[in-house]
N, C-alpha and C. Protein backbone atom coordinates (compact mmCIF):
# COMPACT_ATOMS: atom_id res chain seq x y z
N THR A 1 44.42 -28.63 49.36
CA THR A 1 44.96 -27.89 48.22
C THR A 1 44.79 -28.61 46.94
N GLU A 2 44.92 -29.95 47.00
CA GLU A 2 44.73 -30.72 45.78
C GLU A 2 43.36 -30.55 45.25
N ASP A 3 42.36 -30.57 46.12
CA ASP A 3 40.96 -30.41 45.72
C ASP A 3 40.73 -29.00 45.13
N LEU A 4 41.37 -28.01 45.78
CA LEU A 4 41.20 -26.64 45.31
C LEU A 4 41.80 -26.48 43.94
N ASN A 5 42.99 -27.04 43.72
CA ASN A 5 43.64 -26.97 42.42
C ASN A 5 42.81 -27.72 41.38
N PHE A 6 42.32 -28.81 41.73
CA PHE A 6 41.41 -29.58 40.83
C PHE A 6 40.17 -28.78 40.44
N LEU A 7 39.53 -28.12 41.39
CA LEU A 7 38.37 -27.35 41.17
C LEU A 7 38.71 -26.14 40.29
N ARG A 8 39.83 -25.46 40.56
CA ARG A 8 40.22 -24.30 39.76
C ARG A 8 40.54 -24.74 38.31
N LYS A 9 41.17 -25.88 38.20
CA LYS A 9 41.53 -26.37 36.87
C LYS A 9 40.30 -26.74 36.02
N ASN A 10 39.43 -27.40 36.64
CA ASN A 10 38.27 -27.99 35.88
C ASN A 10 37.01 -27.05 35.87
N TYR A 11 36.78 -26.38 36.96
CA TYR A 11 35.53 -25.62 37.04
C TYR A 11 35.72 -24.07 37.17
N GLY A 12 36.90 -23.62 37.15
CA GLY A 12 37.16 -22.22 37.23
C GLY A 12 37.07 -21.48 35.90
N ARG A 13 36.94 -22.26 34.83
CA ARG A 13 36.79 -21.69 33.46
C ARG A 13 35.37 -21.25 33.24
N LYS A 14 35.27 -20.42 32.21
CA LYS A 14 33.95 -20.00 31.78
C LYS A 14 33.25 -21.15 31.10
N MET A 15 31.94 -21.16 31.23
CA MET A 15 31.17 -22.18 30.57
C MET A 15 31.08 -21.78 29.09
N PRO A 16 31.09 -22.77 28.16
CA PRO A 16 30.95 -22.41 26.80
C PRO A 16 29.50 -21.87 26.51
N VAL A 17 29.48 -20.89 25.56
CA VAL A 17 28.21 -20.27 25.25
C VAL A 17 27.39 -21.28 24.38
N ILE A 18 26.22 -21.50 24.88
CA ILE A 18 25.33 -22.42 24.15
C ILE A 18 24.15 -21.58 23.58
N ALA A 19 23.88 -21.82 22.29
CA ALA A 19 22.80 -21.07 21.64
C ALA A 19 21.47 -21.47 22.23
N GLU A 20 20.66 -20.44 22.37
CA GLU A 20 19.32 -20.72 22.91
C GLU A 20 18.45 -21.43 21.90
N PRO A 21 17.65 -22.34 22.29
CA PRO A 21 16.81 -22.96 21.32
C PRO A 21 15.74 -21.99 20.77
N GLU A 22 15.32 -22.20 19.58
CA GLU A 22 14.33 -21.31 18.98
C GLU A 22 13.01 -21.51 19.75
N ARG A 23 12.38 -20.35 19.96
CA ARG A 23 11.11 -20.40 20.67
C ARG A 23 9.96 -20.41 19.62
N GLY A 24 8.86 -20.94 20.04
CA GLY A 24 7.74 -20.96 19.18
C GLY A 24 7.21 -19.54 19.07
N GLU A 25 6.28 -19.30 18.13
CA GLU A 25 5.72 -18.00 17.99
C GLU A 25 4.80 -17.66 19.13
N SER A 26 5.02 -16.59 19.76
CA SER A 26 4.12 -16.20 20.88
C SER A 26 2.93 -15.36 20.33
N HIS A 27 2.02 -15.10 21.19
CA HIS A 27 0.81 -14.36 20.83
C HIS A 27 1.23 -12.97 20.37
N HIS A 28 2.18 -12.37 21.08
CA HIS A 28 2.60 -11.00 20.86
C HIS A 28 3.30 -10.95 19.45
N SER A 29 4.17 -11.91 19.13
CA SER A 29 4.82 -11.84 17.82
C SER A 29 3.78 -12.07 16.68
N PHE A 30 2.89 -12.97 16.92
CA PHE A 30 1.85 -13.23 15.92
C PHE A 30 1.00 -11.95 15.77
N PHE A 31 0.68 -11.26 16.83
CA PHE A 31 -0.10 -10.05 16.76
C PHE A 31 0.62 -8.95 15.98
N ILE A 32 1.94 -8.81 16.23
CA ILE A 32 2.76 -7.84 15.48
C ILE A 32 2.78 -8.11 14.01
N LYS A 33 2.96 -9.39 13.63
CA LYS A 33 2.94 -9.75 12.21
C LYS A 33 1.60 -9.41 11.58
N GLU A 34 0.55 -9.71 12.30
CA GLU A 34 -0.82 -9.42 11.80
C GLU A 34 -0.99 -7.95 11.61
N MET A 35 -0.54 -7.13 12.54
CA MET A 35 -0.64 -5.68 12.43
C MET A 35 0.14 -5.14 11.24
N GLU A 36 1.32 -5.68 11.02
CA GLU A 36 2.10 -5.29 9.84
C GLU A 36 1.38 -5.60 8.55
N TRP A 37 0.81 -6.84 8.49
CA TRP A 37 0.09 -7.23 7.30
C TRP A 37 -1.13 -6.31 7.10
N MET A 38 -1.87 -5.98 8.17
CA MET A 38 -3.02 -5.15 7.99
C MET A 38 -2.64 -3.71 7.57
N ALA A 39 -1.52 -3.21 8.08
CA ALA A 39 -1.05 -1.87 7.65
C ALA A 39 -0.75 -1.89 6.13
N LYS A 40 -0.09 -2.91 5.72
CA LYS A 40 0.25 -2.97 4.26
C LYS A 40 -1.02 -3.14 3.43
N ASP A 41 -1.97 -3.94 3.92
CA ASP A 41 -3.24 -4.19 3.19
C ASP A 41 -4.05 -2.88 3.10
N PHE A 42 -4.13 -2.13 4.24
CA PHE A 42 -4.86 -0.86 4.24
C PHE A 42 -4.23 0.09 3.28
N GLU A 43 -2.94 0.14 3.25
CA GLU A 43 -2.21 1.06 2.33
C GLU A 43 -2.52 0.73 0.89
N ARG A 44 -2.47 -0.60 0.56
CA ARG A 44 -2.77 -1.08 -0.79
C ARG A 44 -4.16 -0.71 -1.18
N GLU A 45 -5.09 -0.92 -0.26
CA GLU A 45 -6.49 -0.67 -0.51
C GLU A 45 -6.76 0.85 -0.74
N ARG A 46 -6.08 1.70 0.04
CA ARG A 46 -6.24 3.11 -0.11
C ARG A 46 -5.70 3.56 -1.44
N LYS A 47 -4.57 3.06 -1.87
CA LYS A 47 -4.01 3.39 -3.18
C LYS A 47 -4.97 2.92 -4.26
N TYR A 48 -5.52 1.75 -4.16
CA TYR A 48 -6.43 1.22 -5.12
C TYR A 48 -7.67 2.17 -5.30
N LYS A 49 -8.24 2.55 -4.12
CA LYS A 49 -9.44 3.38 -4.14
C LYS A 49 -9.16 4.72 -4.71
N LEU A 50 -7.92 5.30 -4.40
CA LEU A 50 -7.56 6.58 -5.03
C LEU A 50 -7.47 6.47 -6.52
N GLY A 51 -6.88 5.34 -6.99
CA GLY A 51 -6.78 5.15 -8.43
C GLY A 51 -8.09 5.03 -9.08
N VAL A 52 -9.05 4.32 -8.48
CA VAL A 52 -10.36 4.18 -9.05
C VAL A 52 -11.07 5.54 -9.05
N ALA A 53 -10.90 6.29 -8.01
CA ALA A 53 -11.52 7.59 -7.93
C ALA A 53 -10.97 8.53 -9.03
N LYS A 54 -9.66 8.48 -9.24
CA LYS A 54 -9.08 9.32 -10.26
C LYS A 54 -9.56 8.92 -11.67
N LYS A 55 -9.69 7.65 -11.90
CA LYS A 55 -10.24 7.18 -13.23
C LYS A 55 -11.66 7.61 -13.36
N ALA A 56 -12.46 7.48 -12.35
CA ALA A 56 -13.87 7.92 -12.44
C ALA A 56 -13.96 9.45 -12.68
N ALA A 57 -13.13 10.22 -12.00
CA ALA A 57 -13.14 11.70 -12.19
C ALA A 57 -12.73 12.04 -13.57
N LYS A 58 -11.67 11.36 -14.09
CA LYS A 58 -11.26 11.63 -15.48
C LYS A 58 -12.33 11.27 -16.50
N GLY A 59 -12.99 10.16 -16.25
CA GLY A 59 -14.13 9.75 -17.15
C GLY A 59 -15.25 10.75 -17.12
N ALA A 60 -15.60 11.26 -15.92
CA ALA A 60 -16.67 12.26 -15.84
C ALA A 60 -16.26 13.54 -16.52
N ILE A 61 -15.05 13.95 -16.36
CA ILE A 61 -14.52 15.19 -17.04
C ILE A 61 -14.60 14.99 -18.54
N GLY A 62 -14.18 13.84 -19.04
CA GLY A 62 -14.26 13.56 -20.42
C GLY A 62 -15.66 13.55 -20.97
N TYR A 63 -16.57 13.01 -20.21
CA TYR A 63 -18.02 12.97 -20.61
C TYR A 63 -18.57 14.41 -20.70
N LEU A 64 -18.29 15.20 -19.69
CA LEU A 64 -18.78 16.60 -19.68
C LEU A 64 -18.16 17.38 -20.80
N ARG A 65 -16.93 17.16 -21.06
CA ARG A 65 -16.31 17.93 -22.18
C ARG A 65 -16.91 17.53 -23.52
N GLY A 66 -17.27 16.21 -23.64
CA GLY A 66 -17.93 15.77 -24.87
C GLY A 66 -19.28 16.39 -25.02
N LEU A 67 -20.06 16.53 -23.92
CA LEU A 67 -21.37 17.21 -23.99
C LEU A 67 -21.19 18.64 -24.42
N LYS A 68 -20.20 19.29 -23.86
CA LYS A 68 -19.95 20.71 -24.14
C LYS A 68 -19.61 20.87 -25.64
N THR A 69 -18.73 19.99 -26.18
CA THR A 69 -18.37 20.09 -27.56
C THR A 69 -19.57 19.79 -28.42
N GLN A 70 -20.40 18.84 -28.07
CA GLN A 70 -21.58 18.59 -28.86
C GLN A 70 -22.56 19.78 -28.93
N GLU A 71 -22.68 20.47 -27.78
CA GLU A 71 -23.55 21.67 -27.78
C GLU A 71 -22.96 22.74 -28.67
N GLU A 72 -21.66 22.89 -28.57
CA GLU A 72 -21.00 23.95 -29.38
C GLU A 72 -21.12 23.61 -30.91
N LYS A 73 -21.01 22.33 -31.19
CA LYS A 73 -21.04 21.90 -32.54
C LYS A 73 -22.57 22.12 -33.08
N LYS A 74 -23.54 21.85 -32.27
CA LYS A 74 -24.94 22.11 -32.64
C LYS A 74 -25.13 23.57 -32.93
N LYS A 75 -24.59 24.44 -32.06
CA LYS A 75 -24.75 25.87 -32.21
C LYS A 75 -24.11 26.31 -33.54
N ARG A 76 -22.91 25.81 -33.80
CA ARG A 76 -22.20 26.17 -35.00
C ARG A 76 -23.03 25.74 -36.30
N ASP A 77 -23.55 24.45 -36.20
CA ASP A 77 -24.30 23.93 -37.33
C ASP A 77 -25.58 24.82 -37.58
N GLU A 78 -26.24 25.14 -36.46
CA GLU A 78 -27.45 26.03 -36.58
C GLU A 78 -27.07 27.37 -37.22
N GLN A 79 -25.95 27.89 -36.77
CA GLN A 79 -25.51 29.21 -37.27
C GLN A 79 -25.15 29.05 -38.78
N LEU A 80 -24.56 27.97 -39.16
CA LEU A 80 -24.27 27.75 -40.58
C LEU A 80 -25.53 27.67 -41.40
N GLN A 81 -26.54 26.94 -40.89
CA GLN A 81 -27.80 26.79 -41.60
C GLN A 81 -28.51 28.13 -41.76
N VAL A 82 -28.43 28.95 -40.70
CA VAL A 82 -29.06 30.25 -40.74
C VAL A 82 -28.37 31.12 -41.80
N THR A 83 -27.05 31.10 -41.90
CA THR A 83 -26.31 31.90 -42.85
C THR A 83 -26.57 31.33 -44.23
N LYS A 84 -26.69 30.07 -44.43
CA LYS A 84 -26.97 29.47 -45.73
C LYS A 84 -28.36 29.87 -46.24
N ARG A 85 -29.31 29.90 -45.32
CA ARG A 85 -30.63 30.28 -45.74
C ARG A 85 -30.70 31.79 -46.11
N ALA A 86 -29.91 32.54 -45.43
CA ALA A 86 -29.90 34.03 -45.69
C ALA A 86 -29.30 34.32 -46.96
N GLN A 87 -28.47 33.54 -47.54
CA GLN A 87 -27.81 33.79 -48.81
C GLN A 87 -28.66 33.52 -49.95
């Protein structure tokens, strides 16, 4: 009974919780981090390309509008010259 009481007193308690040591980076965790980085990079690149495409489209529209106004101005000038000659 003495031994039993001794065992209950000393070893019957719960063991203290010990924090687990940090583990090194595994292949899976490295792979997940790489996938997250790639997803962000692809999103950034897509946004960049959309921005460049929008700028190019706006530039093309501006150029074509400029051509149209130049043609209209030429027509108006020709019309003015014709009316001036007629007077």
